[in-house]
Amino acid sequence: MENSKNILIIGDMPGYGKMGLAGMLPILSNMGHSVYNLPTALVSNNFDYGRFSVLDTTDYMRQTIQVWRELGFQFDCITTGFLNSADQVELLRDFIDRQRKEDILVVTDPIMGDGGKLYNGSTRETVDNMRRFIGTADVIVPNLTEAEFLTGLYEGAESLTDNQARLVLDGLRAYGPKSAVITSGREEKTGQHVVWGYDGGTEECFTVPYRFIKAHFPGTGDIFTSLLTGQLLNGKSLPQAVRKAVDLLERLIFMEQDAAERNNGIRIEKYLSVLTE
């Protein structure tokens, strides 16, 4: 493809399940890009199973980045997800700074929590680490819970007014990202499920409504980030990219909603043709 980019995905790699790197690699590869990965942790399976094992890969990351630096590897786009420690935050801040060039796209999903609370293993220190990290990004894509914890505003609230959502977007921007997208939002007055966003290019806020399907699948945030990144690399504006990513993710959830096993996440490879329609 003429617009093929070198994309580096940084995040956790599960041994069992389609989330993290396992969910993102096939989507962006199917879009015609050259996709590489740097795991921040090896995870036995999704945490929803209740039992899991996590192997921290910070030493491997440090050694790998040094080798890549010596070899002169460069990337057009970097996406980041789950980060396992303050050491990883500082390591990746330096790495991204060294990779920085005029046309690079950096997309960060500050994975920490959902449903009004932090994930098991995430702490206030995790929140502080992410506050220091999100300034490296061109676009951040926290869900509503993560946005609330990052800004310290309306923590635990499951819905916001439009004015409150703008205050949260302003709070996120204060940490340095150019643009911000809040997923899993809900308008307090109408109950409508929405994505709120601020486009740093146009300096305008926007809202994208979507149909909520009551079916929980781990990894939908990773899918959304992949689809959004792919659309941005294809030249779409941020509101356009969000709209397309929302529509495609909604379609995937609808087609998988009756699956007997949901803890594994959505079976990405089964629907790759749908994602390129």
Protein backbone atom coordinates (compact mmCIF):
# COMPACT_ATOMS: atom_id res chain seq x y z
CA MET A 1 0.00 0.00 0.00
CA GLU A 2 1.19 3.51 -0.82
CA ASN A 3 0.27 4.80 2.62
CA SER A 4 1.79 1.86 4.49
CA LYS A 5 3.44 2.97 7.73
CA ASN A 6 5.84 1.43 10.22
CA ILE A 7 3.75 1.09 13.38
CA LEU A 8 5.08 0.13 16.79
CA ILE A 9 2.50 -1.19 19.26
CA ILE A 10 3.56 -1.06 22.91
CA GLY A 11 1.45 -2.94 25.45
CA ASP A 12 0.77 -6.23 27.18
CA MET A 13 0.77 -9.54 25.29
CA PRO A 14 -1.69 -12.19 26.54
CA GLY A 15 -1.02 -15.85 26.02
CA TYR A 16 -4.78 -16.58 26.00
CA GLY A 17 -7.29 -14.05 24.65
CA LYS A 18 -7.68 -11.30 22.07
CA MET A 19 -6.74 -8.14 23.91
CA GLY A 20 -3.63 -5.99 24.17
CA LEU A 21 -1.10 -6.72 21.44
CA ALA A 22 -2.98 -9.87 20.38
CA GLY A 23 -6.02 -7.78 19.50
CA MET A 24 -4.23 -4.88 17.86
CA LEU A 25 -1.64 -6.61 15.67
CA PRO A 26 -4.06 -8.29 13.23
CA ILE A 27 -6.18 -5.16 12.77
CA LEU A 28 -3.37 -2.79 11.85
CA SER A 29 -1.55 -5.46 9.82
CA ASN A 30 -4.75 -6.10 7.85
CA MET A 31 -4.87 -2.40 7.02
CA GLY A 32 -1.62 -2.89 5.10
CA HIS A 33 0.85 -1.47 7.60
CA SER A 34 4.14 -2.93 8.78
CA VAL A 35 3.44 -3.62 12.44
CA TYR A 36 6.00 -4.27 15.18
CA ASN A 37 5.56 -4.75 18.90
CA LEU A 38 7.23 -4.11 22.23
CA PRO A 39 5.52 -6.02 25.09
CA THR A 40 5.35 -4.28 28.46
CA ALA A 41 4.25 -7.51 30.15
CA LEU A 42 3.49 -11.10 29.25
CA VAL A 43 0.08 -11.96 30.67
CA SER A 44 -1.28 -15.49 30.98
CA ASN A 45 -4.87 -14.47 30.20
CA ASN A 46 -7.45 -11.73 30.66
CA PHE A 47 -7.93 -10.64 34.28
CA ASP A 48 -11.68 -11.34 34.07
CA TYR A 49 -10.92 -15.01 34.68
CA GLY A 50 -9.92 -14.14 38.24
CA ARG A 51 -6.60 -15.98 38.15
CA PHE A 52 -3.65 -14.83 36.07
CA SER A 53 0.13 -14.55 35.90
CA VAL A 54 2.06 -11.45 34.79
CA LEU A 55 5.71 -11.32 33.76
CA ASP A 56 7.23 -7.83 33.80
CA THR A 57 9.38 -7.18 30.71
CA THR A 58 11.09 -3.90 31.65
CA ASP A 59 14.61 -5.33 31.33
CA TYR A 60 13.77 -6.79 27.93
CA MET A 61 12.28 -3.44 26.84
CA ARG A 62 15.41 -1.57 27.90
CA GLN A 63 17.71 -3.97 26.05
CA THR A 64 15.50 -4.00 22.96
CA ILE A 65 15.30 -0.22 22.75
CA GLN A 66 19.08 0.00 22.99
CA VAL A 67 19.51 -2.49 20.15
CA TRP A 68 16.92 -0.69 18.01
CA ARG A 69 18.70 2.60 18.65
CA GLU A 70 22.01 1.10 17.50
CA LEU A 71 20.33 -0.31 14.40
CA GLY A 72 18.61 2.98 13.63
CA PHE A 73 15.03 1.64 13.58
CA GLN A 74 12.42 4.39 13.11
CA PHE A 75 8.63 4.33 13.30
CA ASP A 76 5.92 6.46 11.70
CA CYS A 77 3.40 5.71 14.43
CA ILE A 78 3.61 4.52 18.03
CA THR A 79 0.66 3.33 20.09
CA THR A 80 0.90 2.61 23.80
CA GLY A 81 -1.42 0.71 26.11
CA PHE A 82 -0.81 -1.07 29.41
CA LEU A 83 2.33 0.14 31.21
CA ASN A 84 3.50 -1.90 34.17
CA SER A 85 5.62 0.53 36.22
CA ALA A 86 7.10 4.00 36.68
CA ASP A 87 10.35 2.65 35.18
CA GLN A 88 8.51 1.79 31.96
CA VAL A 89 6.95 5.25 31.86
CA GLU A 90 10.34 6.96 32.03
CA LEU A 91 11.90 4.51 29.57
CA LEU A 92 9.16 5.08 27.01
CA ARG A 93 9.04 8.84 27.47
CA ASP A 94 12.71 8.97 26.51
CA PHE A 95 12.22 6.49 23.64
CA ILE A 96 9.31 8.44 22.14
CA ASP A 97 11.18 11.71 22.51
CA ARG A 98 14.10 10.26 20.55
CA GLN A 99 11.71 8.94 17.87
CA ARG A 100 9.91 12.25 17.60
CA LYS A 101 9.75 13.75 14.11
CA GLU A 102 7.35 16.11 12.39
CA ASP A 103 4.91 13.56 10.99
CA ILE A 104 5.00 10.82 13.66
CA LEU A 105 1.65 9.89 15.23
CA VAL A 106 1.64 8.86 18.91
CA VAL A 107 -1.60 7.41 20.30
CA THR A 108 -1.89 6.51 23.98
CA ASP A 109 -4.55 4.50 25.76
CA PRO A 110 -3.88 5.07 29.50
CA ILE A 111 -5.18 1.69 30.63
CA MET A 112 -5.98 1.82 34.35
CA GLY A 113 -9.64 1.10 35.07
CA ASP A 114 -13.28 0.99 34.00
CA GLY A 115 -16.76 1.01 35.49
CA GLY A 116 -15.90 3.78 37.94
CA LYS A 117 -12.91 2.09 39.57
CA LEU A 118 -9.29 1.18 38.95
CA TYR A 119 -8.37 -2.28 37.73
CA ASN A 120 -6.94 -4.86 40.10
CA GLY A 121 -3.26 -3.93 40.44
CA SER A 122 -3.69 -0.29 39.41
CA THR A 123 -3.11 2.29 42.17
CA ARG A 124 -2.89 6.04 42.68
CA GLU A 125 0.77 5.66 41.72
CA THR A 126 -0.39 4.22 38.39
CA VAL A 127 -2.54 7.30 37.88
CA ASP A 128 0.40 9.60 38.68
CA ASN A 129 2.61 7.68 36.24
CA MET A 130 0.05 8.09 33.47
CA ARG A 131 -0.30 11.79 34.16
CA ARG A 132 3.41 12.13 33.48
CA PHE A 133 3.20 9.99 30.37
CA ILE A 134 0.20 11.25 28.39
CA GLY A 135 1.96 14.48 27.47
CA THR A 136 4.05 12.50 24.98
CA ALA A 137 0.96 11.71 22.90
CA ASP A 138 -0.72 13.37 19.96
CA VAL A 139 -3.99 11.63 20.84
CA ILE A 140 -5.04 9.99 24.11
CA VAL A 141 -8.03 7.65 24.35
CA PRO A 142 -8.99 7.09 28.00
CA ASN A 143 -12.38 5.69 28.86
CA LEU A 144 -14.59 7.79 31.15
CA THR A 145 -13.25 6.20 34.34
CA GLU A 146 -9.63 6.75 33.34
CA ALA A 147 -10.32 10.34 32.30
CA GLU A 148 -11.92 11.03 35.68
CA PHE A 149 -9.00 9.58 37.63
CA LEU A 150 -6.42 11.37 35.48
CA THR A 151 -8.07 14.75 36.04
CA GLY A 152 -9.36 14.14 39.56
CA LEU A 153 -12.81 15.29 38.39
CA TYR A 154 -16.08 13.43 39.05
CA GLU A 155 -14.28 10.21 40.03
CA GLY A 156 -16.63 7.24 39.85
CA ALA A 157 -19.36 9.10 37.96
CA GLU A 158 -20.93 6.97 35.23
CA SER A 159 -22.40 9.92 33.34
CA LEU A 160 -21.56 13.60 32.84
CA THR A 161 -23.22 16.72 31.51
CA ASP A 162 -21.72 18.18 28.36
CA ASN A 163 -20.21 20.98 30.41
CA GLN A 164 -18.62 18.52 32.82
CA ALA A 165 -17.23 16.53 29.89
CA ARG A 166 -15.59 19.70 28.54
CA LEU A 167 -14.01 20.34 31.92
CA VAL A 168 -12.59 16.81 31.92
CA LEU A 169 -11.26 17.29 28.37
CA ASP A 170 -9.63 20.55 29.47
CA GLY A 171 -8.15 18.75 32.47
CA LEU A 172 -6.65 16.06 30.23
CA ARG A 173 -5.19 18.62 27.84
CA ALA A 174 -3.47 20.34 30.74
CA TYR A 175 -1.10 17.35 30.92
CA GLY A 176 0.14 17.99 27.39
CA PRO A 177 -1.57 15.77 24.77
CA LYS A 178 -2.61 17.57 21.60
CA SER A 179 -5.99 15.84 21.31
CA ALA A 180 -8.15 13.79 23.68
CA VAL A 181 -10.94 11.27 23.14
CA ILE A 182 -13.05 9.99 26.05
CA THR A 183 -14.70 6.66 25.30
CA SER A 184 -17.55 4.92 27.15
CA GLY A 185 -19.20 8.23 28.01
CA ARG A 186 -22.85 8.76 28.81
CA GLU A 187 -24.77 12.03 28.74
CA GLU A 188 -26.41 12.66 32.09
CA LYS A 189 -29.52 14.38 30.75
CA THR A 190 -30.41 11.99 27.91
CA GLY A 191 -28.68 8.74 28.94
CA GLN A 192 -27.19 8.61 25.42
CA HIS A 193 -23.89 6.74 25.15
CA VAL A 194 -21.27 8.94 23.53
CA VAL A 195 -17.61 9.53 22.83
CA TRP A 196 -16.44 13.03 23.77
CA GLY A 197 -13.42 14.53 22.06
CA TYR A 198 -11.21 17.56 21.59
CA ASP A 199 -9.45 17.97 18.24
CA GLY A 200 -6.16 19.81 18.72
CA GLY A 201 -5.97 20.53 14.98
CA THR A 202 -9.22 22.51 14.82
CA GLU A 203 -9.27 23.39 18.56
CA GLU A 204 -12.88 22.22 18.72
CA CYS A 205 -14.80 19.80 20.93
CA PHE A 206 -17.05 17.16 19.40
CA THR A 207 -19.47 14.44 20.47
CA VAL A 208 -20.08 11.13 18.70
CA PRO A 209 -23.15 9.16 19.88
CA TYR A 210 -23.34 5.39 19.56
CA ARG A 211 -25.68 2.49 20.24
CA PHE A 212 -24.85 0.65 23.45
CA ILE A 213 -24.99 -3.15 23.18
CA LYS A 214 -25.13 -4.89 26.55
CA ALA A 215 -22.39 -7.44 25.97
CA HIS A 216 -19.04 -7.17 27.76
CA PHE A 217 -15.91 -8.19 25.86
CA PRO A 218 -12.38 -7.56 27.17
CA GLY A 219 -10.15 -5.81 24.66
CA THR A 220 -12.74 -3.55 23.01
CA GLY A 221 -10.65 -0.54 24.00
CA ASP A 222 -7.65 -2.04 22.21
CA ILE A 223 -9.79 -2.63 19.12
CA PHE A 224 -11.06 0.95 19.24
CA THR A 225 -7.51 2.32 19.52
CA SER A 226 -6.39 0.21 16.54
CA LEU A 227 -9.31 1.30 14.37
CA LEU A 228 -8.90 4.94 15.35
CA THR A 229 -5.16 4.86 14.64
CA GLY A 230 -5.70 3.23 11.27
CA GLN A 231 -8.26 5.84 10.25
CA LEU A 232 -6.00 8.70 11.33
CA LEU A 233 -3.14 7.23 9.30
CA ASN A 234 -5.52 7.07 6.33
CA GLY A 235 -5.95 10.84 6.54
CA LYS A 236 -9.26 11.08 8.38
CA SER A 237 -9.88 13.96 10.75
CA LEU A 238 -10.16 13.03 14.42
CA PRO A 239 -13.99 13.29 14.54
CA GLN A 240 -14.24 11.25 11.32
CA ALA A 241 -11.82 8.63 12.66
CA VAL A 242 -13.77 8.35 15.91
CA ARG A 243 -17.06 7.96 14.04
CA LYS A 244 -15.66 5.19 11.83
CA ALA A 245 -14.00 3.38 14.74
CA VAL A 246 -17.21 3.54 16.79
CA ASP A 247 -19.31 2.21 13.90
CA LEU A 248 -16.96 -0.71 13.23
CA LEU A 249 -16.62 -1.64 16.91
CA GLU A 250 -20.38 -1.49 17.37
CA ARG A 251 -20.76 -3.85 14.43
CA LEU A 252 -18.22 -6.30 15.86
CA ILE A 253 -19.92 -6.37 19.25
CA PHE A 254 -23.32 -6.88 17.60
CA MET A 255 -22.05 -9.87 15.61
CA GLU A 256 -20.36 -11.43 18.66
CA GLN A 257 -22.96 -10.62 21.32
CA ASP A 258 -24.30 -14.19 21.48
CA ALA A 259 -20.86 -15.82 21.79
CA ALA A 260 -20.76 -18.44 24.53
CA GLU A 261 -17.28 -17.39 25.71
CA ARG A 262 -16.72 -13.65 26.03
CA ASN A 263 -13.74 -13.53 28.40
CA ASN A 264 -11.41 -14.23 25.46
CA GLY A 265 -12.46 -11.04 23.71
CA ILE A 266 -13.77 -10.64 20.17
CA ARG A 267 -12.44 -13.11 17.60
CA ILE A 268 -10.66 -10.47 15.51
CA GLU A 269 -9.38 -12.70 12.72
CA LYS A 270 -12.92 -13.89 11.95
CA TYR A 271 -14.02 -10.35 11.11
CA LEU A 272 -11.02 -8.79 9.40
CA SER A 273 -12.92 -8.48 6.12
CA VAL A 274 -15.63 -6.49 7.91
CA LEU A 275 -13.07 -4.02 9.20
CA THR A 276 -11.90 -3.12 5.69
CA GLU A 277 -15.36 -2.62 4.15
